[in-house]
Amino acid sequence: MSFINIDFLVKKDSIQNWKMIIYLSLLALITIYSGHSTDRKIFKAVALKKEINILNNEFVSTRISLMNIKMESKVTKRLSEKGLVPSKYPPIKIIVKN
């Protein structure tokens, strides 16, 4: 019944009770802070994973478009518009002896 009346906080030997209450309160605050800190880190990790996926998709699409641009038929077509045509004869190999 003394717990309901809060007599344990005002008696002469209540210092031990106050110490325990303060200790438990600090422990609860540290636990809450730790939980929030963990949540922040998890949200940041999820956001970074999304950014990695976006950048990976952009990399793949850029690589595909680069492969299309580098195809010999595409290069020949673009250069023929400027007046350059591929040679009808293969290149001659030049060997230099010392």
N, C-alpha and C. Protein backbone atom coordinates (compact mmCIF):
# COMPACT_ATOMS: atom_id res chain seq x y z
N MET A 1 0.82 -1.19 0.00
CA MET A 1 0.00 0.00 0.00
C MET A 1 0.86 1.26 0.00
N SER A 2 2.07 1.15 0.54
CA SER A 2 2.94 2.32 0.57
C SER A 2 3.38 2.72 -0.84
N PHE A 3 3.35 1.77 -1.75
CA PHE A 3 3.71 2.08 -3.13
C PHE A 3 2.68 3.01 -3.76
N ILE A 4 1.42 2.78 -3.46
CA ILE A 4 0.36 3.63 -4.00
C ILE A 4 0.41 5.02 -3.38
N ASN A 5 0.74 5.11 -2.11
CA ASN A 5 0.81 6.40 -1.42
C ASN A 5 2.12 7.13 -1.67
N ILE A 6 3.05 6.50 -2.29
CA ILE A 6 4.37 7.04 -2.61
C ILE A 6 5.13 7.40 -1.33
N ASP A 7 4.91 6.65 -0.27
CA ASP A 7 5.65 6.86 0.98
C ASP A 7 7.11 6.46 0.83
N PHE A 8 7.39 5.54 -0.06
CA PHE A 8 8.76 5.05 -0.21
C PHE A 8 9.69 6.11 -0.79
N LEU A 9 9.15 7.21 -1.31
CA LEU A 9 9.98 8.27 -1.87
C LEU A 9 10.27 9.39 -0.89
N VAL A 10 9.53 9.46 0.20
CA VAL A 10 9.69 10.58 1.13
C VAL A 10 10.22 10.16 2.50
N LYS A 11 10.43 8.88 2.73
CA LYS A 11 10.98 8.42 4.01
C LYS A 11 12.46 8.76 4.09
N LYS A 12 13.02 8.57 5.28
CA LYS A 12 14.43 8.89 5.50
C LYS A 12 15.36 8.00 4.68
N ASP A 13 15.00 6.76 4.51
CA ASP A 13 15.85 5.83 3.76
C ASP A 13 15.45 5.76 2.28
N SER A 14 14.84 6.82 1.80
CA SER A 14 14.38 6.83 0.40
C SER A 14 15.50 7.12 -0.60
N ILE A 15 16.71 7.43 -0.14
CA ILE A 15 17.83 7.72 -1.05
C ILE A 15 18.10 6.51 -1.96
N GLN A 16 18.05 5.33 -1.39
CA GLN A 16 18.28 4.11 -2.19
C GLN A 16 17.20 3.98 -3.27
N ASN A 17 15.98 4.29 -2.92
CA ASN A 17 14.88 4.20 -3.89
C ASN A 17 15.07 5.23 -5.01
N TRP A 18 15.48 6.45 -4.64
CA TRP A 18 15.70 7.49 -5.66
C TRP A 18 16.86 7.10 -6.59
N LYS A 19 17.91 6.53 -6.01
CA LYS A 19 19.04 6.09 -6.84
C LYS A 19 18.58 5.05 -7.87
N MET A 20 17.77 4.12 -7.41
CA MET A 20 17.28 3.08 -8.32
C MET A 20 16.36 3.67 -9.39
N ILE A 21 15.51 4.60 -9.01
CA ILE A 21 14.60 5.24 -9.98
C ILE A 21 15.40 6.02 -11.02
N ILE A 22 16.40 6.77 -10.57
CA ILE A 22 17.24 7.54 -11.52
C ILE A 22 18.01 6.60 -12.42
N TYR A 23 18.55 5.52 -11.84
CA TYR A 23 19.30 4.54 -12.63
C TYR A 23 18.41 3.92 -13.70
N LEU A 24 17.22 3.49 -13.32
CA LEU A 24 16.31 2.86 -14.28
C LEU A 24 15.84 3.86 -15.34
N SER A 25 15.65 5.12 -14.94
CA SER A 25 15.25 6.15 -15.91
C SER A 25 16.35 6.38 -16.94
N LEU A 26 17.60 6.50 -16.47
CA LEU A 26 18.72 6.67 -17.41
C LEU A 26 18.87 5.46 -18.32
N LEU A 27 18.70 4.28 -17.76
CA LEU A 27 18.79 3.07 -18.56
C LEU A 27 17.69 3.04 -19.63
N ALA A 28 16.49 3.47 -19.27
CA ALA A 28 15.39 3.53 -20.24
C ALA A 28 15.70 4.55 -21.34
N LEU A 29 16.24 5.72 -20.97
CA LEU A 29 16.58 6.74 -21.97
C LEU A 29 17.67 6.24 -22.93
N ILE A 30 18.67 5.57 -22.38
CA ILE A 30 19.74 5.04 -23.23
C ILE A 30 19.18 3.99 -24.19
N THR A 31 18.30 3.14 -23.71
CA THR A 31 17.69 2.12 -24.56
C THR A 31 16.86 2.74 -25.67
N ILE A 32 16.08 3.75 -25.34
CA ILE A 32 15.26 4.43 -26.34
C ILE A 32 16.14 5.11 -27.38
N TYR A 33 17.20 5.80 -26.93
CA TYR A 33 18.12 6.46 -27.87
C TYR A 33 18.78 5.43 -28.79
N SER A 34 19.19 4.32 -28.22
CA SER A 34 19.84 3.28 -29.02
C SER A 34 18.88 2.74 -30.09
N GLY A 35 17.63 2.55 -29.72
CA GLY A 35 16.63 2.07 -30.68
C GLY A 35 16.42 3.06 -31.82
N HIS A 36 16.32 4.35 -31.48
CA HIS A 36 16.14 5.37 -32.51
C HIS A 36 17.37 5.47 -33.41
N SER A 37 18.54 5.35 -32.82
CA SER A 37 19.78 5.40 -33.60
C SER A 37 19.83 4.23 -34.59
N THR A 38 19.44 3.07 -34.14
CA THR A 38 19.41 1.89 -35.01
C THR A 38 18.41 2.09 -36.15
N ASP A 39 17.24 2.63 -35.83
CA ASP A 39 16.24 2.89 -36.87
C ASP A 39 16.77 3.85 -37.92
N ARG A 40 17.46 4.92 -37.48
CA ARG A 40 18.03 5.87 -38.44
C ARG A 40 19.02 5.18 -39.37
N LYS A 41 19.86 4.33 -38.80
CA LYS A 41 20.86 3.63 -39.61
C LYS A 41 20.19 2.68 -40.61
N ILE A 42 19.14 2.02 -40.19
CA ILE A 42 18.42 1.11 -41.09
C ILE A 42 17.79 1.89 -42.24
N PHE A 43 17.15 3.02 -41.93
CA PHE A 43 16.54 3.83 -42.99
C PHE A 43 17.59 4.36 -43.96
N LYS A 44 18.75 4.75 -43.43
CA LYS A 44 19.83 5.23 -44.29
C LYS A 44 20.34 4.11 -45.19
N ALA A 45 20.47 2.90 -44.64
CA ALA A 45 20.93 1.76 -45.43
C ALA A 45 19.94 1.43 -46.54
N VAL A 46 18.65 1.51 -46.25
CA VAL A 46 17.63 1.24 -47.28
C VAL A 46 17.70 2.30 -48.37
N ALA A 47 17.87 3.56 -47.99
CA ALA A 47 17.97 4.63 -48.98
C ALA A 47 19.21 4.44 -49.85
N LEU A 48 20.32 4.05 -49.26
CA LEU A 48 21.54 3.82 -50.03
C LEU A 48 21.38 2.62 -50.98
N LYS A 49 20.67 1.58 -50.54
CA LYS A 49 20.43 0.44 -51.44
C LYS A 49 19.58 0.86 -52.63
N LYS A 50 18.58 1.71 -52.40
CA LYS A 50 17.77 2.20 -53.51
C LYS A 50 18.63 3.01 -54.47
N GLU A 51 19.51 3.85 -53.93
CA GLU A 51 20.39 4.66 -54.78
C GLU A 51 21.34 3.77 -55.57
N ILE A 52 21.83 2.70 -54.94
CA ILE A 52 22.72 1.77 -55.65
C ILE A 52 21.97 1.12 -56.80
N ASN A 53 20.73 0.71 -56.58
CA ASN A 53 19.94 0.09 -57.65
C ASN A 53 19.71 1.06 -58.80
N ILE A 54 19.41 2.31 -58.47
CA ILE A 54 19.19 3.32 -59.52
C ILE A 54 20.46 3.53 -60.32
N LEU A 55 21.60 3.67 -59.63
CA LEU A 55 22.86 3.89 -60.33
C LEU A 55 23.27 2.67 -61.14
N ASN A 56 22.98 1.48 -60.64
CA ASN A 56 23.29 0.27 -61.39
C ASN A 56 22.45 0.19 -62.66
N ASN A 57 21.18 0.53 -62.56
CA ASN A 57 20.32 0.54 -63.75
C ASN A 57 20.80 1.56 -64.77
N GLU A 58 21.21 2.72 -64.29
CA GLU A 58 21.73 3.76 -65.19
C GLU A 58 23.02 3.28 -65.87
N PHE A 59 23.88 2.60 -65.11
CA PHE A 59 25.12 2.07 -65.67
C PHE A 59 24.83 1.06 -66.78
N VAL A 60 23.90 0.15 -66.52
CA VAL A 60 23.57 -0.88 -67.51
C VAL A 60 22.99 -0.25 -68.77
N SER A 61 22.08 0.70 -68.61
CA SER A 61 21.47 1.33 -69.79
C SER A 61 22.51 2.13 -70.57
N THR A 62 23.43 2.79 -69.88
CA THR A 62 24.48 3.54 -70.56
C THR A 62 25.41 2.59 -71.30
N ARG A 63 25.74 1.47 -70.69
CA ARG A 63 26.61 0.48 -71.34
C ARG A 63 25.94 -0.10 -72.58
N ILE A 64 24.65 -0.35 -72.52
CA ILE A 64 23.93 -0.88 -73.68
C ILE A 64 23.91 0.14 -74.81
N SER A 65 23.64 1.41 -74.47
CA SER A 65 23.62 2.43 -75.52
C SER A 65 25.01 2.63 -76.11
N LEU A 66 26.06 2.52 -75.30
CA LEU A 66 27.43 2.63 -75.81
C LEU A 66 27.75 1.47 -76.74
N MET A 67 27.31 0.28 -76.39
CA MET A 67 27.54 -0.88 -77.27
C MET A 67 26.83 -0.68 -78.60
N ASN A 68 25.64 -0.12 -78.58
CA ASN A 68 24.91 0.14 -79.82
C ASN A 68 25.63 1.18 -80.67
N ILE A 69 26.16 2.21 -80.02
CA ILE A 69 26.86 3.27 -80.76
C ILE A 69 28.14 2.73 -81.38
N LYS A 70 28.82 1.83 -80.70
CA LYS A 70 30.11 1.32 -81.16
C LYS A 70 29.99 0.23 -82.23
N MET A 71 28.80 -0.23 -82.54
CA MET A 71 28.66 -1.28 -83.56
C MET A 71 29.15 -0.76 -84.90
N GLU A 72 29.83 -1.64 -85.63
CA GLU A 72 30.45 -1.24 -86.90
C GLU A 72 29.42 -0.71 -87.89
N SER A 73 28.26 -1.33 -87.94
CA SER A 73 27.24 -0.87 -88.89
C SER A 73 26.77 0.55 -88.55
N LYS A 74 26.63 0.85 -87.26
CA LYS A 74 26.19 2.19 -86.86
C LYS A 74 27.28 3.23 -87.18
N VAL A 75 28.55 2.86 -86.92
CA VAL A 75 29.65 3.78 -87.20
C VAL A 75 29.74 4.03 -88.70
N THR A 76 29.63 2.98 -89.50
CA THR A 76 29.68 3.12 -90.96
C THR A 76 28.56 4.01 -91.46
N LYS A 77 27.37 3.82 -90.93
CA LYS A 77 26.22 4.62 -91.35
C LYS A 77 26.43 6.10 -91.01
N ARG A 78 26.92 6.39 -89.80
CA ARG A 78 27.11 7.78 -89.40
C ARG A 78 28.23 8.45 -90.20
N LEU A 79 29.28 7.69 -90.50
CA LEU A 79 30.38 8.27 -91.27
C LEU A 79 30.01 8.43 -92.74
N SER A 80 29.15 7.55 -93.26
CA SER A 80 28.74 7.69 -94.67
C SER A 80 27.91 8.96 -94.86
N GLU A 81 27.21 9.40 -93.82
CA GLU A 81 26.46 10.65 -93.90
C GLU A 81 27.40 11.85 -94.04
N LYS A 82 28.63 11.70 -93.52
CA LYS A 82 29.62 12.78 -93.60
C LYS A 82 30.53 12.63 -94.82
N GLY A 83 30.30 11.62 -95.62
CA GLY A 83 31.07 11.45 -96.85
C GLY A 83 32.21 10.45 -96.75
N LEU A 84 32.39 9.82 -95.62
CA LEU A 84 33.45 8.82 -95.47
C LEU A 84 32.86 7.43 -95.68
N VAL A 85 33.57 6.62 -96.44
CA VAL A 85 33.11 5.25 -96.69
C VAL A 85 34.24 4.29 -96.31
N PRO A 86 33.90 3.06 -95.96
CA PRO A 86 34.95 2.10 -95.63
C PRO A 86 35.77 1.73 -96.87
N SER A 87 37.01 1.38 -96.65
CA SER A 87 37.91 1.01 -97.74
C SER A 87 37.50 -0.33 -98.33
N LYS A 88 37.68 -0.47 -99.64
CA LYS A 88 37.35 -1.73 -100.29
C LYS A 88 38.49 -2.73 -100.16
N TYR A 89 39.68 -2.24 -99.83
CA TYR A 89 40.85 -3.10 -99.71
C TYR A 89 41.27 -3.18 -98.25
N PRO A 90 41.71 -4.34 -97.82
CA PRO A 90 42.15 -4.47 -96.43
C PRO A 90 43.45 -3.70 -96.21
N PRO A 91 43.75 -3.35 -95.00
CA PRO A 91 44.98 -2.61 -94.72
C PRO A 91 46.22 -3.48 -94.97
N ILE A 92 47.32 -2.81 -95.32
CA ILE A 92 48.57 -3.51 -95.58
C ILE A 92 49.39 -3.47 -94.30
N LYS A 93 49.95 -4.62 -93.94
CA LYS A 93 50.75 -4.72 -92.73
C LYS A 93 52.18 -4.30 -93.05
N ILE A 94 52.71 -3.38 -92.28
CA ILE A 94 54.08 -2.90 -92.47
C ILE A 94 54.93 -3.48 -91.35
N ILE A 95 55.98 -4.19 -91.73
CA ILE A 95 56.88 -4.80 -90.76
C ILE A 95 58.20 -4.06 -90.82
N VAL A 96 58.65 -3.56 -89.69
CA VAL A 96 59.92 -2.84 -89.60
C VAL A 96 60.92 -3.73 -88.90
N LYS A 97 62.07 -3.98 -89.57
CA LYS A 97 63.12 -4.79 -88.97
C LYS A 97 64.25 -3.88 -88.54
N ASN A 98 64.80 -4.14 -87.39
CA ASN A 98 65.90 -3.32 -86.88
C ASN A 98 67.22 -3.78 -87.40
